[in-house]
Protein backbone atom coordinates (compact mmCIF):
# COMPACT_ATOMS: atom_id res chain seq x y z
CA MET A 1 3.43 -17.62 7.04
CA LYS A 2 6.52 -18.15 10.06
CA ARG A 3 7.92 -15.08 8.00
CA PHE A 4 5.66 -12.97 7.48
CA GLU A 5 4.86 -12.58 10.63
CA ASP A 6 7.92 -11.72 12.19
CA TYR A 7 8.76 -9.60 9.28
CA LEU A 8 4.86 -7.77 11.20
CA GLU A 9 6.56 -8.02 15.06
CA THR A 10 8.85 -6.51 13.48
CA ILE A 11 7.60 -3.06 11.07
CA ASN A 12 5.36 -3.29 14.19
CA ARG A 13 7.48 -2.21 16.79
CA ARG A 14 9.56 0.22 14.66
CA LEU A 15 6.75 2.06 13.53
CA THR A 16 5.66 2.66 17.16
CA GLN A 17 9.39 3.83 17.99
CA LEU A 18 9.61 6.17 14.98
CA LEU A 19 5.59 7.78 15.97
CA PRO A 20 6.87 11.05 17.49
CA ALA A 21 5.65 11.91 20.89
CA CYS A 22 4.22 15.64 21.57
CA THR A 23 5.34 17.18 24.05
CA TYR A 24 3.38 20.43 23.60
CA ASP A 25 -0.24 21.31 23.97
CA ALA A 26 -1.77 20.32 21.47
CA PRO A 27 -1.25 16.05 21.23
CA ALA A 28 -4.51 15.09 19.27
CA VAL A 29 -2.77 15.01 16.16
CA CYS A 30 -0.21 12.32 17.44
CA ASP A 31 -2.68 10.59 18.67
CA ALA A 32 -5.07 10.69 15.44
CA MET A 33 -1.49 9.43 14.26
CA ARG A 34 -0.60 7.01 16.72
CA TYR A 35 -4.63 5.45 15.75
CA SER A 36 -4.62 5.36 12.07
CA LEU A 37 -0.90 3.79 12.12
CA ASP A 38 -2.68 1.02 14.99
CA GLY A 39 -4.71 0.67 12.96
CA GLY A 40 -4.69 -2.99 12.17
CA GLY A 41 -3.67 -3.44 8.13
CA LYS A 42 -1.62 -6.08 6.77
CA ARG A 43 1.40 -3.96 6.30
CA ILE A 44 1.53 -5.90 2.97
CA ARG A 45 3.83 -2.53 1.33
CA PRO A 46 6.11 -2.54 4.00
CA VAL A 47 6.72 -6.46 4.04
CA LEU A 48 7.06 -6.48 0.16
CA LEU A 49 9.68 -3.81 0.29
CA LEU A 50 11.96 -5.75 3.33
CA GLU A 51 11.14 -8.73 1.77
CA CYS A 52 13.00 -8.30 -1.81
CA CYS A 53 15.66 -6.96 -0.24
CA ARG A 54 16.09 -9.68 1.17
CA LEU A 55 15.40 -11.68 -1.53
CA CYS A 56 17.94 -9.48 -3.52
CA GLY A 57 20.86 -10.00 -1.01
CA GLY A 58 20.46 -6.47 1.54
CA ASP A 59 20.60 -5.49 4.58
CA LEU A 60 17.33 -5.76 6.08
CA ASP A 61 18.50 -3.42 9.22
CA ALA A 62 18.99 -0.70 6.94
CA ALA A 63 15.98 -0.90 4.67
CA LEU A 64 13.09 -1.32 7.63
CA ASP A 65 12.95 2.64 8.12
CA PHE A 66 12.28 2.93 4.10
CA ALA A 67 9.52 0.56 5.01
CA CYS A 68 7.59 2.38 7.75
CA ALA A 69 7.97 5.10 5.84
CA LEU A 70 6.27 3.32 2.85
CA GLU A 71 3.75 1.97 5.09
CA MET A 72 3.09 5.51 6.82
CA ILE A 73 2.77 7.03 3.50
CA HIS A 74 -0.32 4.16 2.86
CA THR A 75 -1.94 4.83 5.93
CA TYR A 76 -1.99 8.62 5.40
CA SER A 77 -4.27 8.11 2.14
CA LEU A 78 -6.06 5.88 3.82
CA VAL A 79 -7.14 8.81 5.93
CA HIS A 80 -7.77 11.29 4.08
CA ASP A 81 -9.52 9.10 1.84
CA ASP A 82 -12.34 8.37 3.98
CA LEU A 83 -12.63 11.90 4.73
CA PRO A 84 -16.10 13.39 3.24
CA CYS A 85 -14.26 14.89 0.53
CA MET A 86 -13.03 11.76 -0.70
CA ASP A 87 -14.88 8.66 -0.08
CA ASP A 88 -16.69 9.94 3.05
CA ASP A 89 -16.20 6.77 4.60
CA ASP A 90 -17.05 6.27 8.47
CA MET A 91 -15.41 2.50 8.92
CA ARG A 92 -11.72 2.05 8.48
CA ARG A 93 -10.62 -1.22 9.21
CA GLY A 94 -13.11 -2.10 11.88
CA LYS A 95 -13.21 1.15 13.66
CA PRO A 96 -14.36 4.61 12.98
CA ALA A 97 -11.91 6.42 10.55
CA CYS A 98 -9.96 8.95 11.55
CA HIS A 99 -12.13 11.94 10.76
CA ILE A 100 -14.98 10.26 13.03
CA ALA A 101 -12.55 10.15 15.97
CA PHE A 102 -10.62 13.16 15.83
CA GLY A 103 -12.44 15.10 13.77
CA GLU A 104 -12.12 16.19 10.05
CA ALA A 105 -9.23 18.86 10.56
CA THR A 106 -7.49 16.68 13.07
CA ALA A 107 -7.33 14.04 10.61
CA VAL A 108 -6.43 16.31 7.53
CA LEU A 109 -3.41 17.29 9.82
CA ALA A 110 -2.91 13.94 10.84
CA GLY A 111 -2.45 12.68 7.13
CA ASP A 112 -0.25 15.94 6.48
CA ALA A 113 1.47 14.66 9.41
CA LEU A 114 2.58 10.73 8.76
CA LEU A 115 3.75 11.48 5.22
CA THR A 116 6.41 14.26 6.60
CA GLU A 117 7.67 12.10 8.86
CA ALA A 118 7.70 9.01 6.41
CA PHE A 119 10.41 11.25 4.31
CA GLY A 120 12.54 11.91 7.80
CA ALA A 121 12.19 8.70 8.29
CA ALA A 122 13.61 7.52 5.03
CA ALA A 123 16.37 10.16 5.15
CA ASN A 124 17.47 9.76 8.60
CA SER A 125 17.33 5.19 8.14
CA GLU A 126 20.32 2.85 8.25
CA ALA A 127 20.33 3.40 4.75
CA ALA A 128 20.84 6.10 4.39
CA LYS A 129 23.98 6.71 6.91
CA LYS A 130 25.56 2.93 5.12
CA THR A 131 24.80 3.34 1.22
CA PRO A 132 23.13 7.27 0.67
CA ALA A 133 23.46 7.09 -2.97
CA ARG A 134 20.96 4.16 -2.64
CA ALA A 135 19.35 5.42 0.06
CA LEU A 136 18.53 8.91 -2.02
CA GLU A 137 17.27 7.47 -5.23
CA ALA A 138 15.00 5.02 -2.91
CA ILE A 139 14.13 8.45 -0.99
CA ALA A 140 13.32 10.01 -4.90
CA LEU A 141 11.17 7.06 -5.66
CA LEU A 142 9.58 7.10 -2.83
CA ALA A 143 8.58 10.51 -3.53
CA ARG A 144 7.38 9.95 -7.39
CA TYR A 145 5.02 6.85 -6.84
CA ALA A 146 3.66 8.75 -3.90
CA GLY A 147 2.43 12.15 -5.59
CA ALA A 148 0.98 13.45 -8.29
CA GLU A 149 2.59 10.43 -11.28
CA GLY A 150 1.83 7.64 -9.04
CA MET A 151 -1.04 7.42 -5.65
CA ILE A 152 -1.67 10.82 -6.18
CA GLY A 153 -2.80 11.14 -9.94
CA GLY A 154 -4.69 7.50 -9.28
CA GLN A 155 -7.00 8.86 -6.92
CA THR A 156 -7.30 11.72 -9.37
CA ILE A 157 -8.63 10.12 -11.67
CA ASP A 158 -10.85 8.34 -9.28
CA LEU A 159 -12.12 11.38 -8.19
CA GLU A 160 -13.14 12.61 -11.64
CA SER A 161 -14.58 9.44 -12.36
CA GLU A 162 -17.79 8.96 -9.82
CA GLY A 163 -21.12 8.81 -11.03
CA LYS A 164 -19.49 7.71 -14.66
CA THR A 165 -18.67 4.44 -16.70
CA ILE A 166 -14.88 4.23 -18.02
CA ASP A 167 -13.44 2.17 -20.14
CA LEU A 168 -11.70 -0.81 -18.94
CA THR A 169 -8.45 0.61 -20.22
CA ARG A 170 -9.02 3.89 -17.44
CA LEU A 171 -10.35 1.98 -14.88
CA GLN A 172 -6.68 0.24 -14.95
CA THR A 173 -4.94 3.00 -15.75
CA MET A 174 -6.36 4.29 -12.16
CA ASP A 175 -5.48 1.44 -10.31
CA ARG A 176 -1.88 0.88 -11.10
CA LEU A 177 -1.25 4.43 -9.95
CA LYS A 178 -4.03 4.43 -6.61
CA THR A 179 -3.11 0.60 -5.26
CA GLY A 180 -0.73 -0.35 -7.53
CA ALA A 181 2.22 2.69 -7.33
CA LEU A 182 3.16 1.84 -3.76
CA MET A 183 3.16 -1.22 -3.92
CA ARG A 184 5.82 -0.68 -6.99
CA ALA A 185 7.20 1.43 -4.64
CA ALA A 186 8.05 -1.03 -2.08
CA CYS A 187 9.17 -3.55 -4.50
CA GLU A 188 11.61 -1.61 -6.76
CA ILE A 189 13.15 0.64 -3.59
CA GLY A 190 13.60 -3.18 -1.56
CA ALA A 191 15.98 -3.74 -4.59
CA VAL A 192 17.41 -0.63 -5.34
CA LEU A 193 18.86 -0.62 -1.68
CA ALA A 194 19.71 -4.35 -1.97
CA GLY A 195 21.91 -3.21 -4.74
CA ALA A 196 20.03 -5.54 -7.14
CA ASN A 197 21.24 -6.11 -10.51
CA ASP A 198 18.92 -4.24 -13.96
CA GLU A 199 17.37 -7.69 -13.82
CA LYS A 200 15.97 -9.59 -11.07
CA ARG A 201 15.19 -5.36 -10.86
CA THR A 202 12.41 -5.97 -13.64
CA ALA A 203 11.46 -8.56 -12.27
CA LEU A 204 10.20 -7.29 -9.12
CA VAL A 205 9.18 -4.56 -10.81
CA ARG A 206 6.75 -6.72 -13.01
CA TYR A 207 5.67 -8.70 -10.15
CA ALA A 208 4.83 -5.69 -7.55
CA GLU A 209 2.52 -4.90 -11.51
CA ALA A 210 0.73 -7.86 -11.33
CA LEU A 211 0.06 -8.40 -8.58
CA GLY A 212 -1.36 -4.31 -7.69
CA GLN A 213 -3.44 -5.13 -10.45
CA ALA A 214 -4.68 -8.45 -8.50
CA PHE A 215 -4.70 -6.53 -5.72
CA GLN A 216 -7.26 -3.45 -6.73
CA ILE A 217 -9.72 -6.34 -8.28
CA VAL A 218 -9.62 -8.89 -5.63
CA ASP A 219 -10.95 -5.76 -3.58
CA ASP A 220 -13.97 -5.04 -6.19
CA ILE A 221 -14.88 -8.03 -5.76
CA LEU A 222 -15.09 -8.63 -2.55
CA ASP A 223 -17.13 -4.71 -2.20
CA VAL A 224 -19.79 -6.75 -3.43
CA THR A 225 -19.60 -10.79 -1.95
CA GLY A 226 -18.05 -8.79 1.48
CA ASP A 227 -19.98 -8.05 4.25
CA THR A 228 -19.03 -4.88 6.36
CA ALA A 229 -18.13 -6.65 9.66
CA THR A 230 -15.02 -9.13 7.74
CA LEU A 231 -14.01 -6.31 5.53
CA GLY A 232 -13.83 -3.54 8.15
CA LYS A 233 -14.90 -0.68 5.98
CA PRO A 234 -18.73 -0.81 4.09
CA ALA A 235 -19.71 -2.94 1.76
CA GLY A 236 -21.44 -1.60 -1.39
CA SER A 237 -19.60 1.47 -1.95
CA ASP A 238 -19.03 1.38 -4.94
CA ALA A 239 -22.11 0.92 -5.53
CA GLN A 240 -23.57 3.62 -3.65
CA GLN A 241 -20.59 6.07 -5.19
CA GLN A 242 -21.53 4.88 -8.89
CA LYS A 243 -17.67 3.88 -9.59
CA SER A 244 -16.67 1.79 -12.31
CA THR A 245 -14.91 -0.99 -10.90
CA TYR A 246 -13.62 -5.16 -12.66
CA VAL A 247 -16.82 -5.97 -11.57
CA SER A 248 -18.70 -3.84 -12.85
CA LEU A 249 -17.24 -3.37 -16.35
CA LEU A 250 -16.48 -7.59 -16.15
CA GLY A 251 -19.29 -8.67 -14.37
CA LEU A 252 -18.29 -11.50 -10.86
CA SER A 253 -17.05 -14.78 -12.88
CA ALA A 254 -14.81 -12.63 -15.63
CA ALA A 255 -13.41 -10.41 -12.79
CA LYS A 256 -12.76 -13.73 -10.89
CA GLN A 257 -10.80 -15.29 -13.81
CA ALA A 258 -9.15 -11.85 -14.18
CA ALA A 259 -7.40 -11.89 -10.75
CA GLN A 260 -6.16 -15.34 -11.57
CA ASP A 261 -4.39 -14.86 -14.04
CA CYS A 262 -2.64 -11.74 -12.80
CA THR A 263 -1.67 -13.19 -9.97
CA ALA A 264 -0.29 -16.04 -12.68
CA ALA A 265 1.97 -13.67 -13.99
CA ALA A 266 2.68 -12.34 -10.69
CA VAL A 267 4.23 -15.99 -9.97
CA LYS A 268 5.62 -16.11 -13.28
CA SER A 269 7.47 -13.08 -13.07
CA LEU A 270 9.73 -14.25 -10.78
CA ALA A 271 11.27 -17.40 -12.20
CA VAL A 272 14.68 -15.30 -12.36
CA PHE A 273 14.52 -16.03 -8.39
CA GLY A 274 14.80 -19.93 -8.65
CA ALA A 275 12.98 -21.17 -5.17
CA ASP A 276 14.02 -18.44 -3.14
CA ALA A 277 10.77 -16.26 -4.00
CA ALA A 278 8.91 -19.26 -1.90
CA PHE A 279 7.60 -16.31 0.06
CA LEU A 280 6.66 -13.82 -2.72
CA ARG A 281 4.74 -16.59 -4.83
CA GLY A 282 2.81 -17.34 -1.70
CA LEU A 283 1.81 -13.92 -0.86
CA ALA A 284 0.51 -13.31 -3.97
CA ASP A 285 -1.44 -17.00 -3.88
CA ASP A 286 -2.59 -15.93 -0.23
CA LEU A 287 -3.80 -12.06 -1.34
CA MET A 288 -6.03 -13.28 -4.01
CA LYS A 289 -7.92 -16.09 -1.68
CA ARG A 290 -8.60 -13.55 0.82
CA THR A 291 -11.43 -12.25 2.28
CA SER A 292 -10.73 -8.80 3.72
């Protein structure tokens, strides 16, 4: 989609501008940050933020640094997720994981720095200057969904569940936090920065929740059906780490149906926006059909 490509170009250009230029004698951490952030990610979360802001009549230029902040947080989470003390993955996005390329200690620091820079980008954004009350609410949401009540909480459940069989309710809770929280952050922050009314904000939250669940189910499916070269990360790692997934609990066929059902729910939630939500509907469909 052309709009997606336009968003991608804008986001990548601004991310390059926002990354700090290390002028002291230890630039390794900045090199590791750039290496991870330039790793060819899909940029789904910042694209969602910008599109939801647009859909609600907001200022995309003012929201751009929030979109980049969200991508920094997502990237830091991947850097830390790959560490030996977490999932212990050697590959990410088709190249050596940050801790393989730069060492474990530098990878930890690079992740910490990306998280810190993210909040600096949000606090110094055009949105913070033009609509400070909205920006403050958006920063609070960013912290909430990235923290123990969101992504970090989900990662904690994930670690505690390794080698165990958990039930579907527990799995859904984990994925709602670990995967879904930053998608909800993207859609809800986009709505907040645009000053959306409660009806539209609620619709976008429901879209994000269903989309996040569908996204994780497809991830679980691809871990079984995909290959390492296509995925850009080790295939079959869930089974190797003895993780409960939608495939292990439901079976492959039922997992595919669940992904379709969640995608349909995401699309349905956008009714209030009419034809103007065509991009988000198409994105949900594309993410369900993705191969990596």
